[in-house]
Amino acid sequence: MERFDTASKGSFSIDRNALRWNQSCIVVLVVVAFVVGGNAGAWIVLILGLSLAIGAVLPGSGPLQLIYRHLVRRSGLLKADVVNEDPAQHRFAQVLGSVFLVISGVLLLADFAVVGWALAAVVLSLALVNLVFGFCAGCFMFLHLERALKRDVVAQ
């Protein structure tokens, strides 16, 4: 996820095409991992999860984000689609996806294939739903958790 800080205005902006790029890469790479199978597929899933984790912890520094910024956008394949939006919810969704994929990769390497592929399929499905329909389940969870936490603070 590409983040543009516009602190002078008191807001943040995100590049929606960077988000779509990440979602597309997740879908393609999980499918490739499944088709390849075995340890190679498990490593693809694990590395994808670690890549997402890097991008969530260090926004703009994840391998998929760097490829988007330095290759995809510069080549003109995609243009930035910057909107005024807080990136926190997208980062939360990316953390969830990375956790699921890292656990999935570890389970696959430990020969727990059914559970490992099930977790990877959840991430693939949610990325595909977001890509096709624009509904981010992780963002939805973030907003509801944020509301619940605010209600708890006010109630105390």
C-alpha atoms as a PDB file:
ATOM      1  CA  MET A   1       0.000   0.000   0.000  1.00  0.00           C
ATOM      2  CA  GLU A   2       1.455   3.297  -1.067  1.00  0.00           C
ATOM      3  CA  ARG A   3       0.949   6.084   1.443  1.00  0.00           C
ATOM      4  CA  PHE A   4       1.227   9.787   0.744  1.00  0.00           C
ATOM      5  CA  ASP A   5       1.504  11.899   3.893  1.00  0.00           C
ATOM      6  CA  THR A   6      -0.195  15.252   3.602  1.00  0.00           C
ATOM      7  CA  ALA A   7       0.174  16.236   7.244  1.00  0.00           C
ATOM      8  CA  SER A   8      -0.106  19.946   6.449  1.00  0.00           C
ATOM      9  CA  LYS A   9      -3.778  19.327   5.640  1.00  0.00           C
ATOM     10  CA  GLY A  10      -4.212  17.023   8.630  1.00  0.00           C
ATOM     11  CA  SER A  11      -5.076  14.063   6.427  1.00  0.00           C
ATOM     12  CA  PHE A  12      -3.538  11.142   4.596  1.00  0.00           C
ATOM     13  CA  SER A  13      -3.894   9.902   1.063  1.00  0.00           C
ATOM     14  CA  ILE A  14      -3.615   6.433  -0.382  1.00  0.00           C
ATOM     15  CA  ASP A  15      -3.105   5.159  -3.901  1.00  0.00           C
ATOM     16  CA  ARG A  16      -6.012   2.815  -4.668  1.00  0.00           C
ATOM     17  CA  ASN A  17      -4.103   1.306  -7.596  1.00  0.00           C
ATOM     18  CA  ALA A  18      -1.329   0.321  -5.185  1.00  0.00           C
ATOM     19  CA  LEU A  19      -3.959  -1.508  -3.129  1.00  0.00           C
ATOM     20  CA  ARG A  20      -5.343  -3.183  -6.257  1.00  0.00           C
ATOM     21  CA  TRP A  21      -1.814  -4.184  -7.265  1.00  0.00           C
ATOM     22  CA  ASN A  22      -1.268  -5.857  -3.867  1.00  0.00           C
ATOM     23  CA  GLN A  23      -4.614  -7.660  -4.112  1.00  0.00           C
ATOM     24  CA  SER A  24      -3.865  -8.852  -7.645  1.00  0.00           C
ATOM     25  CA  CYS A  25      -0.450 -10.132  -6.590  1.00  0.00           C
ATOM     26  CA  ILE A  26      -1.981 -11.988  -3.644  1.00  0.00           C
ATOM     27  CA  VAL A  27      -4.540 -13.692  -5.894  1.00  0.00           C
ATOM     28  CA  VAL A  28      -2.020 -14.638  -8.578  1.00  0.00           C
ATOM     29  CA  LEU A  29       0.729 -15.786  -6.210  1.00  0.00           C
ATOM     30  CA  VAL A  30      -1.550 -17.919  -4.011  1.00  0.00           C
ATOM     31  CA  VAL A  31      -2.984 -19.607  -7.121  1.00  0.00           C
ATOM     32  CA  VAL A  32       0.541 -20.180  -8.473  1.00  0.00           C
ATOM     33  CA  ALA A  33       1.617 -21.569  -5.093  1.00  0.00           C
ATOM     34  CA  PHE A  34      -1.320 -23.983  -5.076  1.00  0.00           C
ATOM     35  CA  VAL A  35      -0.633 -25.142  -8.643  1.00  0.00           C
ATOM     36  CA  VAL A  36       3.089 -25.589  -7.923  1.00  0.00           C
ATOM     37  CA  GLY A  37       2.311 -27.293  -4.616  1.00  0.00           C
ATOM     38  CA  GLY A  38       4.766 -29.025  -2.322  1.00  0.00           C
ATOM     39  CA  ASN A  39       7.532 -27.133  -0.558  1.00  0.00           C
ATOM     40  CA  ALA A  40       7.877 -24.654  -3.431  1.00  0.00           C
ATOM     41  CA  GLY A  41       4.225 -23.645  -3.063  1.00  0.00           C
ATOM     42  CA  ALA A  42       4.604 -23.400   0.696  1.00  0.00           C
ATOM     43  CA  TRP A  43       7.622 -21.117   0.302  1.00  0.00           C
ATOM     44  CA  ILE A  44       5.733 -18.887  -2.140  1.00  0.00           C
ATOM     45  CA  VAL A  45       2.927 -18.479   0.404  1.00  0.00           C
ATOM     46  CA  LEU A  46       5.365 -17.848   3.264  1.00  0.00           C
ATOM     47  CA  ILE A  47       7.409 -15.292   1.309  1.00  0.00           C
ATOM     48  CA  LEU A  48       4.218 -13.545   0.173  1.00  0.00           C
ATOM     49  CA  GLY A  49       3.077 -13.313   3.800  1.00  0.00           C
ATOM     50  CA  LEU A  50       6.442 -11.901   4.885  1.00  0.00           C
ATOM     51  CA  SER A  51       6.345  -9.421   1.997  1.00  0.00           C
ATOM     52  CA  LEU A  52       2.934  -8.171   3.135  1.00  0.00           C
ATOM     53  CA  ALA A  53       4.187  -7.935   6.717  1.00  0.00           C
ATOM     54  CA  ILE A  54       7.132  -5.778   5.661  1.00  0.00           C
ATOM     55  CA  GLY A  55       4.786  -3.488   3.733  1.00  0.00           C
ATOM     56  CA  ALA A  56       2.433  -3.187   6.715  1.00  0.00           C
ATOM     57  CA  VAL A  57       5.176  -2.429   9.233  1.00  0.00           C
ATOM     58  CA  LEU A  58       7.180  -0.167   6.893  1.00  0.00           C
ATOM     59  CA  PRO A  59       4.602   1.376   4.517  1.00  0.00           C
ATOM     60  CA  GLY A  60       5.990   1.749   1.025  1.00  0.00           C
ATOM     61  CA  SER A  61       8.905  -0.618   1.690  1.00  0.00           C
ATOM     62  CA  GLY A  62       7.316  -4.002   1.024  1.00  0.00           C
ATOM     63  CA  PRO A  63       8.570  -5.861  -2.044  1.00  0.00           C
ATOM     64  CA  LEU A  64       5.182  -5.670  -3.803  1.00  0.00           C
ATOM     65  CA  GLN A  65       4.973  -1.953  -3.047  1.00  0.00           C
ATOM     66  CA  LEU A  66       8.464  -1.357  -4.404  1.00  0.00           C
ATOM     67  CA  ILE A  67       7.666  -3.296  -7.596  1.00  0.00           C
ATOM     68  CA  TYR A  68       4.496  -1.243  -8.025  1.00  0.00           C
ATOM     69  CA  ARG A  69       6.236   2.086  -7.471  1.00  0.00           C
ATOM     70  CA  HIS A  70       9.476   1.452  -9.376  1.00  0.00           C
ATOM     71  CA  LEU A  71       8.308  -0.814 -12.215  1.00  0.00           C
ATOM     72  CA  VAL A  72       4.550  -0.812 -12.713  1.00  0.00           C
ATOM     73  CA  ARG A  73       3.855   2.882 -12.177  1.00  0.00           C
ATOM     74  CA  ARG A  74       7.047   4.144 -13.836  1.00  0.00           C
ATOM     75  CA  SER A  75       6.419   1.980 -16.883  1.00  0.00           C
ATOM     76  CA  GLY A  76       2.968   3.542 -17.230  1.00  0.00           C
ATOM     77  CA  LEU A  77       1.074   0.255 -16.806  1.00  0.00           C
ATOM     78  CA  LEU A  78      -0.874   1.846 -13.952  1.00  0.00           C
ATOM     79  CA  LYS A  79      -1.214   5.459 -12.892  1.00  0.00           C
ATOM     80  CA  ALA A  80      -1.585   6.539  -9.289  1.00  0.00           C
ATOM     81  CA  ASP A  81      -5.216   6.799  -8.142  1.00  0.00           C
ATOM     82  CA  VAL A  82      -4.746   8.904  -5.022  1.00  0.00           C
ATOM     83  CA  VAL A  83      -7.684   9.480  -2.685  1.00  0.00           C
ATOM     84  CA  ASN A  84      -7.957  11.209   0.660  1.00  0.00           C
ATOM     85  CA  GLU A  85      -8.286   8.337   3.118  1.00  0.00           C
ATOM     86  CA  ASP A  86      -6.668   7.136   6.331  1.00  0.00           C
ATOM     87  CA  PRO A  87      -4.384   4.186   5.530  1.00  0.00           C
ATOM     88  CA  ALA A  88      -4.804   2.629   9.008  1.00  0.00           C
ATOM     89  CA  GLN A  89      -7.693   0.363   8.008  1.00  0.00           C
ATOM     90  CA  HIS A  90      -5.833  -0.894   4.934  1.00  0.00           C
ATOM     91  CA  ARG A  91      -2.691  -1.511   6.983  1.00  0.00           C
ATOM     92  CA  PHE A  92      -4.784  -3.509   9.487  1.00  0.00           C
ATOM     93  CA  ALA A  93      -6.209  -5.625   6.639  1.00  0.00           C
ATOM     94  CA  GLN A  94      -2.695  -6.163   5.304  1.00  0.00           C
ATOM     95  CA  VAL A  95      -1.460  -7.263   8.733  1.00  0.00           C
ATOM     96  CA  LEU A  96      -4.314  -9.784   8.966  1.00  0.00           C
ATOM     97  CA  GLY A  97      -3.552 -11.118   5.488  1.00  0.00           C
ATOM     98  CA  SER A  98       0.153 -11.388   6.256  1.00  0.00           C
ATOM     99  CA  VAL A  99      -0.481 -13.235   9.533  1.00  0.00           C
ATOM    100  CA  PHE A 100      -2.796 -15.721   7.806  1.00  0.00           C
ATOM    101  CA  LEU A 101      -0.310 -16.281   4.974  1.00  0.00           C
ATOM    102  CA  VAL A 102       2.710 -16.689   7.262  1.00  0.00           C
ATOM    103  CA  ILE A 103       0.814 -19.203   9.399  1.00  0.00           C
ATOM    104  CA  SER A 104      -0.382 -20.894   6.211  1.00  0.00           C
ATOM    105  CA  GLY A 105       3.182 -21.166   4.864  1.00  0.00           C
ATOM    106  CA  VAL A 106       4.477 -22.594   8.140  1.00  0.00           C
ATOM    107  CA  LEU A 107       1.636 -25.130   8.285  1.00  0.00           C
ATOM    108  CA  LEU A 108       2.274 -26.140   4.668  1.00  0.00           C
ATOM    109  CA  LEU A 109       5.983 -26.645   5.387  1.00  0.00           C
ATOM    110  CA  ALA A 110       5.029 -28.721   8.442  1.00  0.00           C
ATOM    111  CA  ASP A 111       2.809 -30.976   6.256  1.00  0.00           C
ATOM    112  CA  PHE A 112      -0.526 -29.656   7.532  1.00  0.00           C
ATOM    113  CA  ALA A 113      -1.663 -29.083   3.967  1.00  0.00           C
ATOM    114  CA  VAL A 114      -5.433 -28.946   4.459  1.00  0.00           C
ATOM    115  CA  VAL A 115      -5.329 -26.253   7.137  1.00  0.00           C
ATOM    116  CA  GLY A 116      -2.482 -24.420   5.409  1.00  0.00           C
ATOM    117  CA  TRP A 117      -4.279 -24.231   2.072  1.00  0.00           C
ATOM    118  CA  ALA A 118      -7.554 -23.330   3.808  1.00  0.00           C
ATOM    119  CA  LEU A 119      -5.922 -20.272   5.410  1.00  0.00           C
ATOM    120  CA  ALA A 120      -4.326 -19.291   2.091  1.00  0.00           C
ATOM    121  CA  ALA A 121      -7.717 -19.716   0.380  1.00  0.00           C
ATOM    122  CA  VAL A 122      -9.335 -17.352   2.902  1.00  0.00           C
ATOM    123  CA  VAL A 123      -6.780 -14.650   2.078  1.00  0.00           C
ATOM    124  CA  LEU A 124      -7.103 -15.301  -1.657  1.00  0.00           C
ATOM    125  CA  SER A 125     -10.914 -15.108  -1.437  1.00  0.00           C
ATOM    126  CA  LEU A 126     -10.935 -11.875   0.551  1.00  0.00           C
ATOM    127  CA  ALA A 127      -8.358 -10.268  -1.762  1.00  0.00           C
ATOM    128  CA  LEU A 128     -10.467 -11.297  -4.757  1.00  0.00           C
ATOM    129  CA  VAL A 129     -13.664  -9.911  -3.182  1.00  0.00           C
ATOM    130  CA  ASN A 130     -11.876  -6.623  -2.526  1.00  0.00           C
ATOM    131  CA  LEU A 131     -10.439  -6.530  -6.028  1.00  0.00           C
ATOM    132  CA  VAL A 132     -13.701  -7.347  -7.817  1.00  0.00           C
ATOM    133  CA  PHE A 133     -16.336  -5.760  -5.563  1.00  0.00           C
ATOM    134  CA  GLY A 134     -14.349  -3.134  -3.637  1.00  0.00           C
ATOM    135  CA  PHE A 135     -15.298  -4.598  -0.256  1.00  0.00           C
ATOM    136  CA  CYS A 136     -12.379  -4.870   2.176  1.00  0.00           C
ATOM    137  CA  ALA A 137     -13.284  -7.281   4.980  1.00  0.00           C
ATOM    138  CA  GLY A 138     -10.223  -6.265   7.015  1.00  0.00           C
ATOM    139  CA  CYS A 139     -11.196  -2.594   6.705  1.00  0.00           C
ATOM    140  CA  PHE A 140     -14.738  -3.490   7.775  1.00  0.00           C
ATOM    141  CA  MET A 141     -13.362  -5.307  10.838  1.00  0.00           C
ATOM    142  CA  PHE A 142     -11.083  -2.367  11.643  1.00  0.00           C
ATOM    143  CA  LEU A 143     -13.923   0.144  11.554  1.00  0.00           C
ATOM    144  CA  HIS A 144     -16.155  -1.999  13.764  1.00  0.00           C
ATOM    145  CA  LEU A 145     -13.348  -2.713  16.236  1.00  0.00           C
ATOM    146  CA  GLU A 146     -12.560   1.002  16.353  1.00  0.00           C
ATOM    147  CA  ARG A 147     -16.214   1.829  17.080  1.00  0.00           C
ATOM    148  CA  ALA A 148     -16.446  -0.860  19.761  1.00  0.00           C
ATOM    149  CA  LEU A 149     -13.288   0.387  21.454  1.00  0.00           C
ATOM    150  CA  LYS A 150     -14.570   3.982  21.403  1.00  0.00           C
ATOM    151  CA  ARG A 151     -17.864   2.858  22.957  1.00  0.00           C
ATOM    152  CA  ASP A 152     -15.967   0.989  25.689  1.00  0.00           C
ATOM    153  CA  VAL A 153     -13.864   4.088  26.459  1.00  0.00           C
ATOM    154  CA  VAL A 154     -16.948   6.327  26.607  1.00  0.00           C
ATOM    155  CA  ALA A 155     -18.789   3.808  28.816  1.00  0.00           C
ATOM    156  CA  GLN A 156     -15.954   3.793  31.347  1.00  0.00           C
END
